[in-house]
Amino acid sequence: MRRVFLTDLATRLADIERLAGRLERAEISAHEVLIVLQAQLHDIKGCGQPYGVPRATDLARFYEARLAGLQPEPRAVAEILAEAAAAFRRLLS
């Protein structure tokens, strides 16, 4: 089950990294990115621990808290998006 979760996490991470590119190219608003990222993090937070990857739950909880109340300003959203993607990439490596 852990392997299934890690495979799913890799897919979610790729989606998150694509969001960064779309935000950079102004194909999507910072508000839309926040909504998608919050949903992704919420799902990861709920699944990490039960699937044997508690660090994923911890990271998702941390970044979910960082997003709480964040104004949808592109630079701020991009910075957190990049930071979260890097943290999850390290987890997968």
N, C-alpha and C. Protein backbone atom coordinates (compact mmCIF):
# COMPACT_ATOMS: atom_id res chain seq x y z
N MET A 1 0.81 -1.18 0.00
CA MET A 1 0.00 0.00 0.00
C MET A 1 0.86 1.26 0.00
N ARG A 2 1.99 1.18 0.67
CA ARG A 2 2.91 2.31 0.69
C ARG A 2 3.36 2.65 -0.73
N ARG A 3 3.66 1.62 -1.51
CA ARG A 3 4.12 1.84 -2.88
C ARG A 3 3.04 2.52 -3.73
N VAL A 4 1.79 2.10 -3.52
CA VAL A 4 0.67 2.71 -4.24
C VAL A 4 0.57 4.19 -3.88
N PHE A 5 0.69 4.50 -2.59
CA PHE A 5 0.62 5.90 -2.16
C PHE A 5 1.76 6.70 -2.77
N LEU A 6 2.97 6.16 -2.76
CA LEU A 6 4.12 6.89 -3.30
C LEU A 6 3.97 7.12 -4.80
N THR A 7 3.39 6.15 -5.50
CA THR A 7 3.14 6.35 -6.93
C THR A 7 2.12 7.47 -7.14
N ASP A 8 1.06 7.45 -6.33
CA ASP A 8 0.05 8.50 -6.41
C ASP A 8 0.66 9.85 -6.04
N LEU A 9 1.51 9.86 -5.04
CA LEU A 9 2.16 11.11 -4.63
C LEU A 9 3.02 11.67 -5.77
N ALA A 10 3.72 10.80 -6.46
CA ALA A 10 4.54 11.25 -7.60
C ALA A 10 3.66 11.89 -8.68
N THR A 11 2.49 11.31 -8.91
CA THR A 11 1.56 11.88 -9.89
C THR A 11 1.04 13.23 -9.42
N ARG A 12 0.69 13.31 -8.14
CA ARG A 12 0.23 14.58 -7.58
C ARG A 12 1.32 15.64 -7.65
N LEU A 13 2.55 15.23 -7.38
CA LEU A 13 3.67 16.16 -7.44
C LEU A 13 3.86 16.70 -8.86
N ALA A 14 3.73 15.82 -9.84
CA ALA A 14 3.84 16.27 -11.24
C ALA A 14 2.73 17.28 -11.55
N ASP A 15 1.54 17.04 -11.04
CA ASP A 15 0.44 17.98 -11.24
C ASP A 15 0.76 19.33 -10.59
N ILE A 16 1.32 19.29 -9.38
CA ILE A 16 1.68 20.51 -8.67
C ILE A 16 2.76 21.27 -9.44
N GLU A 17 3.73 20.55 -9.96
CA GLU A 17 4.80 21.20 -10.72
C GLU A 17 4.27 21.80 -12.02
N ARG A 18 3.30 21.16 -12.64
CA ARG A 18 2.67 21.73 -13.84
C ARG A 18 1.93 23.02 -13.49
N LEU A 19 1.30 23.04 -12.31
CA LEU A 19 0.63 24.26 -11.88
C LEU A 19 1.60 25.43 -11.82
N ALA A 20 2.79 25.17 -11.33
CA ALA A 20 3.81 26.23 -11.24
C ALA A 20 4.10 26.81 -12.61
N GLY A 21 4.25 25.95 -13.59
CA GLY A 21 4.51 26.42 -14.95
C GLY A 21 3.34 27.21 -15.52
N ARG A 22 2.14 26.73 -15.26
CA ARG A 22 0.95 27.44 -15.75
C ARG A 22 0.81 28.80 -15.07
N LEU A 23 1.14 28.87 -13.78
CA LEU A 23 1.08 30.15 -13.07
C LEU A 23 2.12 31.11 -13.64
N GLU A 24 3.30 30.60 -13.88
CA GLU A 24 4.39 31.43 -14.43
C GLU A 24 4.02 32.00 -15.80
N ARG A 25 3.31 31.20 -16.60
CA ARG A 25 2.91 31.64 -17.94
C ARG A 25 1.57 32.39 -17.93
N ALA A 26 1.02 32.62 -16.74
CA ALA A 26 -0.26 33.33 -16.55
C ALA A 26 -1.41 32.62 -17.25
N GLU A 27 -1.33 31.29 -17.31
CA GLU A 27 -2.42 30.49 -17.88
C GLU A 27 -3.48 30.18 -16.83
N ILE A 28 -3.15 30.42 -15.59
CA ILE A 28 -4.04 30.14 -14.47
C ILE A 28 -3.78 31.21 -13.41
N SER A 29 -4.83 31.60 -12.71
CA SER A 29 -4.66 32.64 -11.70
C SER A 29 -4.08 32.06 -10.41
N ALA A 30 -3.52 32.94 -9.62
CA ALA A 30 -2.99 32.51 -8.31
C ALA A 30 -4.12 31.97 -7.44
N HIS A 31 -5.30 32.55 -7.55
CA HIS A 31 -6.45 32.06 -6.79
C HIS A 31 -6.79 30.63 -7.18
N GLU A 32 -6.80 30.34 -8.47
CA GLU A 32 -7.08 28.97 -8.93
C GLU A 32 -6.01 28.00 -8.45
N VAL A 33 -4.76 28.43 -8.48
CA VAL A 33 -3.66 27.59 -7.99
C VAL A 33 -3.86 27.28 -6.51
N LEU A 34 -4.22 28.29 -5.74
CA LEU A 34 -4.45 28.07 -4.31
C LEU A 34 -5.53 27.02 -4.07
N ILE A 35 -6.60 27.09 -4.82
CA ILE A 35 -7.70 26.13 -4.65
C ILE A 35 -7.23 24.72 -4.96
N VAL A 36 -6.53 24.54 -6.08
CA VAL A 36 -6.06 23.22 -6.48
C VAL A 36 -5.00 22.71 -5.50
N LEU A 37 -4.08 23.56 -5.12
CA LEU A 37 -3.02 23.15 -4.21
C LEU A 37 -3.58 22.77 -2.84
N GLN A 38 -4.53 23.55 -2.35
CA GLN A 38 -5.14 23.22 -1.07
C GLN A 38 -5.83 21.85 -1.12
N ALA A 39 -6.51 21.56 -2.21
CA ALA A 39 -7.18 20.26 -2.36
C ALA A 39 -6.16 19.13 -2.41
N GLN A 40 -5.08 19.33 -3.17
CA GLN A 40 -4.03 18.30 -3.26
C GLN A 40 -3.41 18.05 -1.88
N LEU A 41 -3.08 19.11 -1.19
CA LEU A 41 -2.46 18.97 0.13
C LEU A 41 -3.41 18.30 1.12
N HIS A 42 -4.66 18.65 1.05
CA HIS A 42 -5.64 18.04 1.96
C HIS A 42 -5.72 16.52 1.72
N ASP A 43 -5.73 16.12 0.45
CA ASP A 43 -5.77 14.69 0.13
C ASP A 43 -4.51 13.97 0.61
N ILE A 44 -3.36 14.58 0.38
CA ILE A 44 -2.09 13.98 0.81
C ILE A 44 -2.07 13.86 2.33
N LYS A 45 -2.51 14.91 3.00
CA LYS A 45 -2.52 14.92 4.47
C LYS A 45 -3.34 13.75 5.00
N GLY A 46 -4.46 13.49 4.38
CA GLY A 46 -5.34 12.43 4.85
C GLY A 46 -4.87 11.02 4.54
N CYS A 47 -4.00 10.88 3.55
CA CYS A 47 -3.59 9.54 3.12
C CYS A 47 -2.19 9.13 3.56
N GLY A 48 -1.33 10.07 3.83
CA GLY A 48 0.07 9.74 4.14
C GLY A 48 0.22 8.80 5.31
N GLN A 49 -0.32 9.16 6.43
CA GLN A 49 -0.20 8.35 7.66
C GLN A 49 -0.77 6.94 7.47
N PRO A 50 -2.02 6.80 7.00
CA PRO A 50 -2.59 5.46 6.86
C PRO A 50 -1.81 4.56 5.89
N TYR A 51 -1.15 5.17 4.91
CA TYR A 51 -0.40 4.38 3.93
C TYR A 51 1.07 4.21 4.32
N GLY A 52 1.41 4.59 5.52
CA GLY A 52 2.76 4.36 6.01
C GLY A 52 3.78 5.41 5.63
N VAL A 53 3.31 6.60 5.28
CA VAL A 53 4.22 7.69 4.93
C VAL A 53 3.83 8.91 5.77
N PRO A 54 4.09 8.83 7.07
CA PRO A 54 3.68 9.94 7.94
C PRO A 54 4.34 11.26 7.60
N ARG A 55 5.52 11.22 7.03
CA ARG A 55 6.21 12.47 6.65
C ARG A 55 5.40 13.23 5.60
N ALA A 56 4.72 12.51 4.70
CA ALA A 56 3.88 13.17 3.70
C ALA A 56 2.74 13.91 4.39
N THR A 57 2.14 13.27 5.40
CA THR A 57 1.07 13.92 6.15
C THR A 57 1.60 15.18 6.84
N ASP A 58 2.77 15.07 7.45
CA ASP A 58 3.36 16.22 8.13
C ASP A 58 3.64 17.38 7.17
N LEU A 59 4.22 17.05 6.02
CA LEU A 59 4.51 18.09 5.03
C LEU A 59 3.23 18.74 4.52
N ALA A 60 2.24 17.93 4.21
CA ALA A 60 0.98 18.46 3.70
C ALA A 60 0.32 19.36 4.74
N ARG A 61 0.35 18.94 5.99
CA ARG A 61 -0.23 19.74 7.07
C ARG A 61 0.51 21.09 7.18
N PHE A 62 1.84 21.04 7.10
CA PHE A 62 2.65 22.25 7.19
C PHE A 62 2.31 23.22 6.06
N TYR A 63 2.25 22.72 4.83
CA TYR A 63 1.99 23.61 3.70
C TYR A 63 0.53 24.05 3.63
N GLU A 64 -0.36 23.22 4.11
CA GLU A 64 -1.75 23.64 4.21
C GLU A 64 -1.87 24.83 5.15
N ALA A 65 -1.16 24.77 6.27
CA ALA A 65 -1.17 25.89 7.23
C ALA A 65 -0.53 27.14 6.61
N ARG A 66 0.52 26.96 5.83
CA ARG A 66 1.17 28.11 5.19
C ARG A 66 0.23 28.80 4.21
N LEU A 67 -0.64 28.01 3.57
CA LEU A 67 -1.57 28.58 2.59
C LEU A 67 -2.76 29.27 3.24
N ALA A 68 -3.07 28.87 4.46
CA ALA A 68 -4.25 29.42 5.14
C ALA A 68 -4.13 30.95 5.25
N GLY A 69 -5.09 31.62 4.70
CA GLY A 69 -5.10 33.07 4.78
C GLY A 69 -4.18 33.78 3.81
N LEU A 70 -3.45 33.02 2.99
CA LEU A 70 -2.54 33.64 2.02
C LEU A 70 -3.35 34.37 0.95
N GLN A 71 -2.95 35.58 0.66
CA GLN A 71 -3.58 36.32 -0.42
C GLN A 71 -3.14 35.73 -1.76
N PRO A 72 -4.04 35.67 -2.72
CA PRO A 72 -3.69 35.06 -4.00
C PRO A 72 -2.81 35.96 -4.87
N GLU A 73 -1.66 36.28 -4.36
CA GLU A 73 -0.67 37.09 -5.07
C GLU A 73 0.28 36.12 -5.76
N PRO A 74 0.45 36.24 -7.07
CA PRO A 74 1.21 35.24 -7.83
C PRO A 74 2.60 34.92 -7.27
N ARG A 75 3.37 35.92 -6.88
CA ARG A 75 4.73 35.65 -6.40
C ARG A 75 4.71 34.82 -5.12
N ALA A 76 3.86 35.19 -4.17
CA ALA A 76 3.77 34.45 -2.90
C ALA A 76 3.31 33.02 -3.13
N VAL A 77 2.31 32.86 -3.98
CA VAL A 77 1.80 31.52 -4.28
C VAL A 77 2.88 30.69 -4.97
N ALA A 78 3.58 31.29 -5.92
CA ALA A 78 4.64 30.59 -6.63
C ALA A 78 5.75 30.14 -5.70
N GLU A 79 6.10 30.98 -4.74
CA GLU A 79 7.17 30.62 -3.80
C GLU A 79 6.78 29.42 -2.93
N ILE A 80 5.56 29.43 -2.41
CA ILE A 80 5.12 28.30 -1.59
C ILE A 80 4.96 27.05 -2.44
N LEU A 81 4.45 27.23 -3.64
CA LEU A 81 4.30 26.10 -4.56
C LEU A 81 5.64 25.45 -4.84
N ALA A 82 6.65 26.24 -5.12
CA ALA A 82 7.99 25.71 -5.40
C ALA A 82 8.59 25.05 -4.17
N GLU A 83 8.40 25.67 -3.02
CA GLU A 83 8.93 25.12 -1.78
C GLU A 83 8.27 23.77 -1.45
N ALA A 84 6.96 23.71 -1.59
CA ALA A 84 6.23 22.46 -1.31
C ALA A 84 6.64 21.37 -2.30
N ALA A 85 6.73 21.73 -3.58
CA ALA A 85 7.13 20.74 -4.59
C ALA A 85 8.51 20.18 -4.28
N ALA A 86 9.44 21.05 -3.89
CA ALA A 86 10.80 20.59 -3.56
C ALA A 86 10.78 19.67 -2.34
N ALA A 87 9.98 20.00 -1.35
CA ALA A 87 9.91 19.16 -0.14
C ALA A 87 9.35 17.78 -0.47
N PHE A 88 8.30 17.73 -1.27
CA PHE A 88 7.74 16.43 -1.64
C PHE A 88 8.67 15.67 -2.59
N ARG A 89 9.40 16.39 -3.43
CA ARG A 89 10.37 15.74 -4.32
C ARG A 89 11.47 15.06 -3.48
N ARG A 90 11.94 15.74 -2.44
CA ARG A 90 12.94 15.15 -1.53
C ARG A 90 12.38 13.91 -0.84
N LEU A 91 11.13 13.97 -0.45
CA LEU A 91 10.50 12.83 0.19
C LEU A 91 10.48 11.61 -0.73
N LEU A 92 10.26 11.85 -2.01
CA LEU A 92 10.18 10.75 -2.97
C LEU A 92 11.55 10.20 -3.37
N SER A 93 12.60 10.99 -3.15
CA SER A 93 13.92 10.52 -3.59
C SER A 93 14.63 9.67 -2.56
